[in-house]
Amino acid sequence: MNIKTYILALLCLFVSLTSRCVLAQTNQVLDIGNRRELFIDDHLVGEMKNVQLLVHQPIREEIAVKCDQPWEGNGCGYYTVLHDRQEAVYRMYYHAWQIPTGIEPGGPLTIGYFESQDGIHWERPNLGLCEFQGSKDNNIILDKLGDGGRCHDFSPFIDSNPAAKPEGRYKAIGAGFENQKGIWVYQSPDGIHWTPMAPGPVFDKGAFDTQNISFWSETEKKYVMYYRVFSKGGFSGTRLINRAVSDDFLHWTDEGTIAFPEGEGPQPLAQFYVNQVKPYERAPHLYIGFPARYVDHGLTASTPLLPEWKLREKRMTVTPRYGTAITDSIYITSRDGRNFRQSNDVFLPPGLRTKHNWSYGDNYIAWHVVETESVKDDAPRELSLYATESYFTGRQSRLRRYSLRVDGFASMHAKLKQGEFTTKPIRFSGKELSLNVATSAAGLVQVEILSPDGTPISGFSLADCDIIYGDSLDRRVSWKGNRSVEALAGRPVVLRMVVREADVYSLKFEN
């Protein structure tokens, strides 16, 4: 064999192997079972034509709570909101704090508690647990972590681990702020009375200068924690999100910094503060986080045009960034807890407002979303989110409720010009295909089921599909009146959706 023939043979072998790798990637089948899949990112999406992945911003609603008591102030934040269905109550936790502004002095940092029957109207209960200025008439649940000094943040969750004991039905992590810096772990039978599970911090490898969160993962069958670290340079470096895991909530293994595709994730000009990662209740395999983006353009021509410039000037006497930094929120998603994707648009922008916003600390979304009844006529249940505002503005701050359609973080969206998209090859279990979908009066959605090679499957072609229009969280797809897809369960298929003036938010194969 001469050298030219040898090189040609190697080239043919390389092309053959490359083609097989590409084919293997193309033919990779996502086994979704009967899980709900949200079109919140491109995880399930194959090809698109005249369709876009559209981020939906939540709708501003009423003020949920106002923090105006002597132990509260302009720095109240790091909120956690839980819905305890067993006790039929919503619980809210936050750190109560007054930050020095150049006008108002600073104050102590404690952990406060609100309660609600519907997630909309909140009460500040008089708990009688902790003393403040000689009185226990307050809603403070913690004023220190053991003998570790002030509690910087405290994020409870309802422990769904089957091995959890009654006294540990609620668990929480909190960061020590002074004497023994690090993560402390607590438990509670009722979400109000808390006891430490260890005499000191159980994890000390992070910066812990933001809200640190943890939860029991039904998918991973372990406890997961997300916390803050810095790249080289200490507090002057880039802020990053790290992850640790535990089998018993006491002994933690650090797994390093979460990953993003190249070009995504925290940027030097828009660093992530809180992470707010948690499994989405309707799709527990899907982790959704709401990082606040901290942006400091410095003192520019736009800075004096932001709301309340005189107040900003006063704050800048404490530190310049108190007047120049601003914050908004995006979302991030993951299906393995380690590799994340960032939303392709802002999720919660500051908005057209003259005060109570556009400051460092505003638009931090509470951990996490909860379902509530809608206050709008006969609308179905919706998602409620809560975000900070009035940060740094005097002697009080507040939390606003926002509403969002169930599963409505983003959608596959088509305008007047008809479009279509396909899923990647999937394998499902279930009997009927349910869509969370909305159209205009002139809009439509049709679904065709294909073999992985693109051939329409008999009885499930586009011509067979009954036209879908309307607005529903659970619209069943039918083909000439037949809703059953049970015959296709377990085999690889591709869904092709033709859409016009429509949004498809999620899909699920129902049993």
Protein backbone atom coordinates (compact mmCIF):
# COMPACT_ATOMS: atom_id res chain seq x y z
CA MET A 1 0.00 0.00 0.00
CA ASN A 2 1.52 3.35 -1.04
CA ILE A 3 1.38 6.44 1.16
CA LYS A 4 -1.48 8.09 -0.78
CA THR A 5 -3.65 4.98 -0.51
CA TYR A 6 -2.85 4.71 3.22
CA ILE A 7 -3.79 8.34 3.89
CA LEU A 8 -7.00 7.96 1.87
CA ALA A 9 -7.93 4.85 3.90
CA LEU A 10 -7.32 6.71 7.18
CA LEU A 11 -9.43 9.62 5.94
CA CYS A 12 -12.30 7.30 4.98
CA LEU A 13 -12.10 5.60 8.38
CA PHE A 14 -12.21 8.99 10.14
CA VAL A 15 -15.21 10.12 8.11
CA SER A 16 -16.98 6.81 8.80
CA LEU A 17 -16.37 7.02 12.56
CA THR A 18 -17.40 10.70 12.64
CA SER A 19 -20.61 9.93 10.74
CA ARG A 20 -21.44 7.14 13.16
CA CYS A 21 -20.88 9.48 16.14
CA VAL A 22 -23.13 12.13 14.60
CA LEU A 23 -25.78 9.49 13.83
CA ALA A 24 -25.55 8.16 17.38
CA GLN A 25 -26.07 11.68 18.74
CA THR A 26 -28.96 12.28 16.34
CA ASN A 27 -30.61 9.00 17.28
CA GLN A 28 -30.21 9.50 21.02
CA VAL A 29 -33.63 8.95 22.58
CA LEU A 30 -34.79 10.93 25.62
CA ASP A 31 -36.79 8.64 27.88
CA ILE A 32 -39.36 11.00 29.44
CA GLY A 33 -41.73 8.32 30.77
CA ASN A 34 -44.83 10.15 31.95
CA ARG A 35 -42.90 13.09 33.38
CA ARG A 36 -44.05 16.61 32.70
CA GLU A 37 -41.64 18.39 30.39
CA LEU A 38 -41.61 22.19 30.27
CA PHE A 39 -40.57 24.20 27.24
CA ILE A 40 -38.51 26.38 29.57
CA ASP A 41 -35.31 25.69 27.62
CA ASP A 42 -34.28 23.77 24.51
CA HIS A 43 -33.76 20.42 26.27
CA LEU A 44 -36.60 18.72 24.40
CA VAL A 45 -36.51 20.77 21.20
CA GLY A 46 -35.21 19.41 17.90
CA GLU A 47 -35.76 21.76 14.96
CA MET A 48 -37.68 25.07 14.81
CA LYS A 49 -39.14 27.11 11.95
CA ASN A 50 -40.89 30.46 12.54
CA VAL A 51 -41.04 29.60 16.24
CA GLN A 52 -39.10 31.02 19.19
CA LEU A 53 -38.45 30.01 22.77
CA LEU A 54 -40.12 32.96 24.52
CA VAL A 55 -39.47 33.92 28.17
CA HIS A 56 -42.64 35.14 29.92
CA GLN A 57 -42.18 37.79 32.58
CA PRO A 58 -44.37 37.47 35.70
CA ILE A 59 -47.23 39.91 36.34
CA ARG A 60 -46.98 42.47 39.16
CA GLU A 61 -49.57 41.95 41.85
CA GLU A 62 -50.12 43.35 45.35
CA ILE A 63 -47.59 44.06 48.10
CA ALA A 64 -47.35 40.81 50.09
CA VAL A 65 -45.55 42.09 53.20
CA LYS A 66 -44.12 45.39 54.39
CA CYS A 67 -41.15 45.23 56.76
CA ASP A 68 -41.55 48.33 58.91
CA GLN A 69 -41.07 47.09 62.47
CA PRO A 70 -38.15 48.21 64.70
CA TRP A 71 -36.31 44.88 64.22
CA GLU A 72 -36.80 45.05 60.43
CA GLY A 73 -35.68 47.70 57.96
CA ASN A 74 -34.41 48.44 54.48
CA GLY A 75 -32.34 45.26 54.17
CA CYS A 76 -34.99 42.59 54.71
CA GLY A 77 -34.41 39.79 52.23
CA TYR A 78 -33.35 36.22 51.48
CA TYR A 79 -36.99 35.15 51.64
CA THR A 80 -38.15 31.54 51.63
CA VAL A 81 -41.81 30.75 50.86
CA LEU A 82 -43.24 27.26 51.48
CA HIS A 83 -46.69 25.75 51.06
CA ASP A 84 -47.34 23.14 53.74
CA ARG A 85 -50.28 21.25 52.28
CA GLN A 86 -50.48 18.92 55.27
CA GLU A 87 -51.07 21.86 57.63
CA ALA A 88 -52.88 23.97 54.98
CA VAL A 89 -50.62 26.96 55.57
CA TYR A 90 -48.08 29.04 53.67
CA ARG A 91 -44.92 29.96 55.58
CA MET A 92 -42.44 32.74 54.85
CA TYR A 93 -38.97 33.17 56.35
CA TYR A 94 -36.57 36.10 55.87
CA HIS A 95 -33.66 37.90 57.44
CA ALA A 96 -34.73 41.14 59.09
CA TRP A 97 -32.07 43.81 58.86
CA GLN A 98 -31.43 47.54 58.67
CA ILE A 99 -28.43 48.40 56.47
CA PRO A 100 -26.62 51.69 57.16
CA THR A 101 -27.39 54.11 54.34
CA GLY A 102 -25.59 57.32 55.25
CA ILE A 103 -28.93 58.61 56.58
CA GLU A 104 -30.18 55.76 58.75
CA PRO A 105 -27.90 53.74 61.08
CA GLY A 106 -27.59 49.98 60.78
CA GLY A 107 -29.39 47.46 62.98
CA PRO A 108 -29.18 43.84 64.21
CA LEU A 109 -29.80 40.89 61.92
CA THR A 110 -32.47 38.34 62.91
CA ILE A 111 -34.67 35.75 61.19
CA GLY A 112 -38.37 36.63 60.94
CA TYR A 113 -41.52 34.73 60.00
CA PHE A 114 -44.82 35.49 58.23
CA GLU A 115 -47.81 33.19 57.76
CA SER A 116 -50.72 32.98 55.30
CA GLN A 117 -53.74 30.83 54.59
CA ASP A 118 -53.76 31.54 50.86
CA GLY A 119 -50.28 32.80 49.90
CA ILE A 120 -51.74 36.22 49.15
CA HIS A 121 -52.73 37.77 52.49
CA TRP A 122 -49.93 37.53 55.05
CA GLU A 123 -49.84 38.03 58.83
CA ARG A 124 -46.94 38.77 61.19
CA PRO A 125 -47.63 36.43 64.14
CA ASN A 126 -46.54 37.32 67.64
CA LEU A 127 -44.36 34.29 68.41
CA GLY A 128 -42.87 35.23 71.78
CA LEU A 129 -39.67 33.29 71.04
CA CYS A 130 -36.83 35.84 70.93
CA GLU A 131 -36.26 39.06 72.82
CA PHE A 132 -35.77 42.35 71.02
CA GLN A 133 -35.22 45.58 72.97
CA GLY A 134 -36.59 43.97 76.12
CA SER A 135 -39.73 42.44 74.57
CA LYS A 136 -40.68 39.11 72.97
CA ASP A 137 -43.69 40.61 71.18
CA ASN A 138 -42.37 39.99 67.69
CA ASN A 139 -42.19 37.46 64.84
CA ILE A 140 -38.51 36.58 65.29
CA ILE A 141 -37.81 32.83 65.18
CA LEU A 142 -33.99 33.03 65.50
CA ASP A 143 -31.63 35.74 66.66
CA LYS A 144 -28.45 33.67 66.56
CA LEU A 145 -27.10 30.27 65.48
CA GLY A 146 -26.13 28.42 68.64
CA ASP A 147 -23.15 30.40 69.96
CA GLY A 148 -22.08 31.23 66.40
CA GLY A 149 -23.36 34.78 66.53
CA ARG A 150 -25.81 36.38 64.13
CA CYS A 151 -27.57 34.28 61.50
CA HIS A 152 -26.81 35.69 58.06
CA ASP A 153 -29.52 33.68 56.27
CA PHE A 154 -31.90 30.83 57.06
CA SER A 155 -33.65 28.75 54.38
CA PRO A 156 -36.08 26.02 55.54
CA PHE A 157 -37.69 23.28 53.46
CA ILE A 158 -40.20 20.50 54.09
CA ASP A 159 -38.20 17.29 54.12
CA SER A 160 -39.84 14.70 51.84
CA ASN A 161 -37.15 12.10 52.55
CA PRO A 162 -39.08 8.94 53.56
CA ALA A 163 -36.50 8.41 56.33
CA ALA A 164 -37.09 11.85 57.88
CA LYS A 165 -38.29 11.69 61.48
CA PRO A 166 -41.24 13.75 62.77
CA GLU A 167 -38.95 16.08 64.72
CA GLY A 168 -37.13 16.76 61.45
CA ARG A 169 -40.12 17.22 59.15
CA TYR A 170 -38.76 20.71 58.48
CA LYS A 171 -35.04 21.24 57.95
CA ALA A 172 -32.97 24.33 57.23
CA ILE A 173 -29.47 25.56 56.66
CA GLY A 174 -28.25 28.90 57.94
CA ALA A 175 -24.92 30.65 57.57
CA GLY A 176 -23.02 31.77 60.65
CA PHE A 177 -22.11 35.43 60.29
CA GLU A 178 -19.61 36.01 63.08
CA ASN A 179 -17.98 33.60 65.55
CA GLN A 180 -18.26 30.26 63.74
CA LYS A 181 -18.67 31.03 60.06
CA GLY A 182 -20.10 28.23 57.96
CA ILE A 183 -23.29 26.25 57.36
CA TRP A 184 -25.33 25.27 60.40
CA VAL A 185 -28.13 22.70 60.08
CA TYR A 186 -31.43 22.90 61.95
CA GLN A 187 -34.62 20.86 62.24
CA SER A 188 -38.18 21.53 63.37
CA PRO A 189 -41.40 19.54 63.77
CA ASP A 190 -43.63 22.53 62.93
CA GLY A 191 -41.58 25.08 60.97
CA ILE A 192 -41.51 27.52 63.90
CA HIS A 193 -39.56 25.96 66.78
CA TRP A 194 -36.03 25.13 65.60
CA THR A 195 -33.14 23.22 67.18
CA PRO A 196 -29.59 22.74 65.84
CA MET A 197 -28.68 19.27 64.60
CA ALA A 198 -24.98 19.76 65.38
CA PRO A 199 -23.06 21.90 67.92
CA GLY A 200 -21.35 23.92 65.18
CA PRO A 201 -21.04 24.40 61.43
CA VAL A 202 -21.12 21.20 59.36
CA PHE A 203 -19.65 22.75 56.18
CA ASP A 204 -17.20 25.63 55.86
CA LYS A 205 -15.83 25.60 52.30
CA GLY A 206 -17.76 28.57 50.89
CA ALA A 207 -18.11 32.34 51.17
CA PHE A 208 -21.72 32.00 52.43
CA ASP A 209 -22.40 35.73 51.98
CA THR A 210 -25.71 35.25 50.19
CA GLN A 211 -28.77 33.02 50.61
CA ASN A 212 -27.64 29.40 50.82
CA ILE A 213 -30.29 26.78 50.09
CA SER A 214 -30.78 23.03 50.45
CA PHE A 215 -33.48 20.43 49.78
CA TRP A 216 -34.17 16.71 49.54
CA SER A 217 -33.99 15.66 45.90
CA GLU A 218 -36.57 13.03 44.97
CA THR A 219 -34.66 12.41 41.75
CA GLU A 220 -31.18 12.10 43.22
CA LYS A 221 -32.28 10.53 46.53
CA LYS A 222 -29.97 12.77 48.53
CA TYR A 223 -29.80 16.22 50.10
CA VAL A 224 -28.48 18.92 47.80
CA MET A 225 -27.04 22.31 48.76
CA TYR A 226 -26.21 25.33 46.58
CA TYR A 227 -23.98 28.03 48.04
CA ARG A 228 -21.70 30.87 47.00
CA VAL A 229 -17.97 30.86 46.36
CA PHE A 230 -15.61 33.31 44.69
CA SER A 231 -13.08 32.76 41.95
CA LYS A 232 -9.47 33.75 42.56
CA GLY A 233 -9.24 37.16 44.15
CA GLY A 234 -11.50 36.55 47.14
CA PHE A 235 -14.40 38.97 47.49
CA SER A 236 -13.06 40.95 44.54
CA GLY A 237 -13.29 37.87 42.30
CA THR A 238 -16.21 36.55 40.27
CA ARG A 239 -19.15 35.19 42.26
CA LEU A 240 -19.90 31.54 41.49
CA ILE A 241 -22.48 28.92 42.54
CA ASN A 242 -21.19 25.70 44.05
CA ARG A 243 -23.00 22.49 44.92
CA ALA A 244 -22.62 19.92 47.70
CA VAL A 245 -24.54 16.71 48.50
CA SER A 246 -25.28 14.68 51.62
CA ASP A 247 -27.01 11.45 52.61
CA ASP A 248 -27.80 12.52 56.18
CA PHE A 249 -27.85 16.36 56.10
CA LEU A 250 -24.84 16.39 58.43
CA HIS A 251 -21.90 15.24 56.32
CA TRP A 252 -21.49 17.08 53.02
CA THR A 253 -19.38 16.41 49.94
CA ASP A 254 -18.43 19.39 47.82
CA GLU A 255 -19.02 18.82 44.08
CA GLY A 256 -17.57 22.10 42.85
CA THR A 257 -18.97 24.88 40.70
CA ILE A 258 -22.07 24.30 38.60
CA ALA A 259 -21.44 24.44 34.85
CA PHE A 260 -22.92 26.43 31.98
CA PRO A 261 -22.36 26.14 28.22
CA GLU A 262 -19.60 28.38 26.92
CA GLY A 263 -20.73 32.00 26.84
CA GLU A 264 -23.51 31.49 29.41
CA GLY A 265 -23.56 31.75 33.18
CA PRO A 266 -22.26 34.52 35.46
CA GLN A 267 -20.42 37.33 33.70
CA PRO A 268 -18.01 39.90 35.20
CA LEU A 269 -20.52 42.71 34.61
CA ALA A 270 -23.61 40.67 35.59
CA GLN A 271 -22.65 38.35 38.42
CA PHE A 272 -25.13 36.01 40.10
CA TYR A 273 -26.04 36.78 43.70
CA VAL A 274 -28.71 34.47 45.13
CA ASN A 275 -29.14 31.20 43.22
CA GLN A 276 -32.66 30.05 44.38
CA VAL A 277 -32.33 26.57 42.81
CA LYS A 278 -35.04 24.04 43.64
CA PRO A 279 -36.91 21.18 41.93
CA TYR A 280 -40.10 22.41 40.26
CA GLU A 281 -42.97 20.70 42.08
CA ARG A 282 -44.90 19.66 38.95
CA ALA A 283 -41.69 18.28 37.38
CA PRO A 284 -39.30 17.30 40.21
CA HIS A 285 -36.58 16.20 37.79
CA LEU A 286 -36.32 19.80 36.57
CA TYR A 287 -34.29 22.18 38.77
CA ILE A 288 -35.18 25.85 38.32
CA GLY A 289 -33.19 28.70 39.87
CA PHE A 290 -33.73 32.46 39.93
CA PRO A 291 -30.32 34.12 40.26
CA ALA A 292 -30.34 37.85 40.86
CA ARG A 293 -27.94 39.57 38.48
CA TYR A 294 -25.76 42.14 40.19
CA VAL A 295 -24.63 44.82 37.73
CA ASP A 296 -22.45 47.82 38.53
CA HIS A 297 -21.84 50.14 35.58
CA GLY A 298 -20.12 52.58 37.91
CA LEU A 299 -20.94 56.27 37.97
CA THR A 300 -22.15 57.09 34.45
CA ALA A 301 -24.41 59.68 32.82
CA SER A 302 -27.35 57.31 33.44
CA THR A 303 -26.78 56.93 37.19
CA PRO A 304 -28.27 60.34 38.25
CA LEU A 305 -31.31 59.57 36.06
CA LEU A 306 -32.18 56.48 38.12
CA PRO A 307 -34.87 56.89 40.81
CA GLU A 308 -34.08 58.80 44.02
CA TRP A 309 -30.70 60.20 43.07
CA LYS A 310 -30.30 62.24 46.28
CA LEU A 311 -30.75 59.11 48.35
CA ARG A 312 -28.24 57.27 46.16
CA GLU A 313 -25.69 60.02 46.79
CA LYS A 314 -26.11 59.52 50.54
CA ARG A 315 -25.70 55.76 50.20
CA MET A 316 -22.53 56.27 48.20
CA THR A 317 -20.92 57.86 51.26
CA VAL A 318 -21.00 54.37 52.82
CA THR A 319 -19.66 52.64 49.69
CA PRO A 320 -19.94 53.72 46.01
CA ARG A 321 -21.69 50.54 44.87
CA TYR A 322 -24.63 51.25 47.21
CA GLY A 323 -25.57 53.99 44.76
CA THR A 324 -24.43 52.62 41.41
CA ALA A 325 -25.19 48.87 41.53
CA ILE A 326 -28.57 47.58 40.27
CA THR A 327 -30.16 44.11 40.18
CA ASP A 328 -32.69 42.09 38.18
CA SER A 329 -33.41 38.35 37.92
CA ILE A 330 -33.19 35.63 35.29
CA TYR A 331 -33.84 31.90 35.52
CA ILE A 332 -31.55 28.90 35.11
CA THR A 333 -32.52 25.26 34.52
CA SER A 334 -30.94 21.84 34.94
CA ARG A 335 -31.94 18.20 34.78
CA ASP A 336 -28.91 16.78 36.59
CA GLY A 337 -28.28 19.53 39.14
CA ARG A 338 -24.77 20.19 37.84
CA ASN A 339 -25.13 21.46 34.27
CA PHE A 340 -27.37 24.48 33.83
CA ARG A 341 -28.79 26.63 31.04
CA GLN A 342 -29.55 30.33 31.40
CA SER A 343 -32.75 31.96 30.13
CA ASN A 344 -32.25 33.83 26.88
CA ASP A 345 -33.96 36.95 28.25
CA VAL A 346 -34.46 38.71 31.57
CA PHE A 347 -37.19 37.12 33.70
CA LEU A 348 -37.87 39.91 36.23
CA PRO A 349 -36.72 43.37 35.08
CA PRO A 350 -36.92 46.45 37.34
CA GLY A 351 -39.65 48.02 35.18
CA LEU A 352 -40.95 51.55 34.65
CA ARG A 353 -41.13 52.74 38.24
CA THR A 354 -40.01 55.97 39.91
CA LYS A 355 -39.07 54.51 43.29
CA HIS A 356 -39.02 51.24 45.27
CA ASN A 357 -36.81 49.73 42.58
CA TRP A 358 -33.66 50.04 40.49
CA SER A 359 -31.46 49.59 43.57
CA TYR A 360 -28.93 46.94 44.51
CA GLY A 361 -31.07 44.37 46.37
CA ASP A 362 -34.32 44.91 44.46
CA ASN A 363 -35.89 42.13 42.33
CA TYR A 364 -34.44 39.26 44.36
CA ILE A 365 -36.94 36.43 43.89
CA ALA A 366 -37.86 34.46 47.00
CA TRP A 367 -37.02 30.77 47.19
CA HIS A 368 -39.30 29.43 45.53
CA VAL A 369 -42.55 29.54 43.52
CA VAL A 370 -45.77 28.22 45.10
CA GLU A 371 -49.22 27.52 43.66
CA THR A 372 -52.05 29.79 44.84
CA GLU A 373 -55.63 30.46 43.86
CA SER A 374 -56.05 33.21 41.30
CA VAL A 375 -57.71 36.47 42.38
CA LYS A 376 -58.93 37.07 38.81
CA ASP A 377 -62.52 35.94 38.23
CA ASP A 378 -62.69 32.20 37.52
CA ALA A 379 -59.08 31.81 36.40
CA PRO A 380 -57.40 28.52 37.46
CA ARG A 381 -54.68 28.23 40.07
CA GLU A 382 -51.49 30.05 39.24
CA LEU A 383 -47.90 30.33 40.35
CA SER A 384 -47.03 33.03 42.87
CA LEU A 385 -43.53 34.46 43.07
CA TYR A 386 -42.35 37.10 45.54
CA ALA A 387 -39.63 39.67 44.93
CA THR A 388 -37.93 42.36 46.99
CA GLU A 389 -38.30 46.07 46.47
CA SER A 390 -37.64 49.32 48.38
CA TYR A 391 -34.20 48.04 49.28
CA PHE A 392 -31.99 50.78 50.77
CA THR A 393 -34.85 53.31 50.79
CA GLY A 394 -35.05 54.62 54.33
CA ARG A 395 -36.27 52.54 57.27
CA GLN A 396 -38.38 49.86 55.61
CA SER A 397 -38.54 47.46 52.68
CA ARG A 398 -41.23 45.27 51.19
CA LEU A 399 -41.97 42.14 49.21
CA ARG A 400 -44.28 42.10 46.20
CA ARG A 401 -46.21 39.13 44.87
CA TYR A 402 -46.05 38.32 41.18
CA SER A 403 -48.24 35.83 39.32
CA LEU A 404 -47.43 33.50 36.47
CA ARG A 405 -49.31 30.87 34.56
CA VAL A 406 -48.71 27.33 35.85
CA ASP A 407 -45.65 26.04 33.91
CA GLY A 408 -45.58 29.48 32.31
CA PHE A 409 -41.91 30.46 32.64
CA ALA A 410 -41.43 30.17 28.87
CA SER A 411 -43.10 28.69 25.81
CA MET A 412 -42.62 27.64 22.24
CA HIS A 413 -44.21 30.71 20.68
CA ALA A 414 -45.48 31.34 17.16
CA LYS A 415 -46.84 34.58 15.74
CA LEU A 416 -49.16 35.20 12.77
CA LYS A 417 -46.91 33.40 10.31
CA GLN A 418 -47.43 29.69 10.84
CA GLY A 419 -44.46 27.84 12.28
CA GLU A 420 -43.52 24.41 13.49
CA PHE A 421 -41.06 22.60 15.69
CA THR A 422 -40.10 19.04 16.46
CA THR A 423 -38.97 17.36 19.63
CA LYS A 424 -35.85 15.29 19.84
CA PRO A 425 -36.55 11.54 19.65
CA ILE A 426 -38.40 10.58 22.84
CA ARG A 427 -39.74 7.46 24.50
CA PHE A 428 -42.82 7.85 26.70
CA SER A 429 -45.23 5.88 28.85
CA GLY A 430 -48.87 6.87 29.11
CA LYS A 431 -52.19 6.79 27.32
CA GLU A 432 -52.93 10.39 26.32
CA LEU A 433 -50.91 13.46 25.37
CA SER A 434 -51.70 16.55 27.45
CA LEU A 435 -50.57 20.06 26.49
CA ASN A 436 -50.45 23.25 28.51
CA VAL A 437 -51.33 25.52 25.60
CA ALA A 438 -52.84 28.89 24.72
CA THR A 439 -53.85 30.31 21.33
CA SER A 440 -55.47 33.45 20.03
CA ALA A 441 -58.96 33.27 18.52
CA ALA A 442 -57.35 32.75 15.11
CA GLY A 443 -54.50 30.60 16.43
CA LEU A 444 -54.09 26.83 16.29
CA VAL A 445 -51.91 23.92 17.29
CA GLN A 446 -51.71 20.50 15.64
CA VAL A 447 -49.53 17.55 16.62
CA GLU A 448 -48.11 14.90 14.35
CA ILE A 449 -46.28 11.84 15.67
CA LEU A 450 -43.35 10.66 13.56
CA SER A 451 -40.94 7.78 13.53
CA PRO A 452 -37.34 8.90 14.28
CA ASP A 453 -36.65 8.86 10.52
CA GLY A 454 -39.33 11.52 10.01
CA THR A 455 -42.08 9.27 8.63
CA PRO A 456 -45.59 10.11 9.95
CA ILE A 457 -47.09 7.22 11.91
CA SER A 458 -50.41 5.98 10.51
CA GLY A 459 -53.36 7.40 12.43
CA PHE A 460 -51.25 10.18 13.98
CA SER A 461 -50.50 12.33 10.93
CA LEU A 462 -51.05 16.06 10.77
CA ALA A 463 -54.12 15.54 8.59
CA ASP A 464 -55.61 13.28 11.27
CA CYS A 465 -55.00 15.70 14.17
CA ASP A 466 -58.03 17.61 15.41
CA ILE A 467 -57.27 21.35 15.49
CA ILE A 468 -56.53 22.74 18.97
CA TYR A 469 -57.46 26.29 19.89
CA GLY A 470 -58.34 27.91 23.20
CA ASP A 471 -56.50 28.19 26.52
CA SER A 472 -55.99 25.23 28.83
CA LEU A 473 -53.53 23.83 31.38
CA ASP A 474 -54.55 20.29 30.34
CA ARG A 475 -55.67 20.03 26.72
CA ARG A 476 -55.73 16.44 25.45
CA VAL A 477 -54.65 15.93 21.84
CA SER A 478 -56.82 13.77 19.57
CA TRP A 479 -56.56 12.41 16.03
CA LYS A 480 -59.96 12.05 14.36
CA GLY A 481 -61.46 11.85 17.83
CA ASN A 482 -58.98 9.26 19.12
CA ARG A 483 -57.00 10.43 22.15
CA SER A 484 -55.18 7.17 22.87
CA VAL A 485 -51.45 7.00 22.16
CA GLU A 486 -50.96 3.86 24.23
CA ALA A 487 -50.00 1.84 21.14
CA LEU A 488 -46.91 4.03 20.72
CA ALA A 489 -45.74 3.86 24.35
CA GLY A 490 -42.22 2.54 24.78
CA ARG A 491 -41.09 3.08 21.17
CA PRO A 492 -38.96 5.99 19.95
CA VAL A 493 -41.04 8.77 18.36
CA VAL A 494 -40.73 12.43 17.42
CA LEU A 495 -43.48 14.98 18.01
CA ARG A 496 -44.01 17.60 15.32
CA MET A 497 -46.14 20.57 16.32
CA VAL A 498 -47.57 23.05 13.83
CA VAL A 499 -48.43 26.34 15.56
CA ARG A 500 -49.89 29.74 14.71
CA GLU A 501 -50.45 32.59 17.20
CA ALA A 502 -49.95 30.11 20.00
CA ASP A 503 -47.85 29.21 23.03
CA VAL A 504 -47.02 25.66 24.06
CA TYR A 505 -45.77 25.68 27.66
CA SER A 506 -45.43 22.01 28.58
CA LEU A 507 -46.43 18.48 27.66
CA LYS A 508 -47.11 15.30 29.58
CA PHE A 509 -48.20 11.81 28.65
CA GLU A 510 -50.97 11.03 31.14
CA ASN A 511 -51.91 7.60 32.42
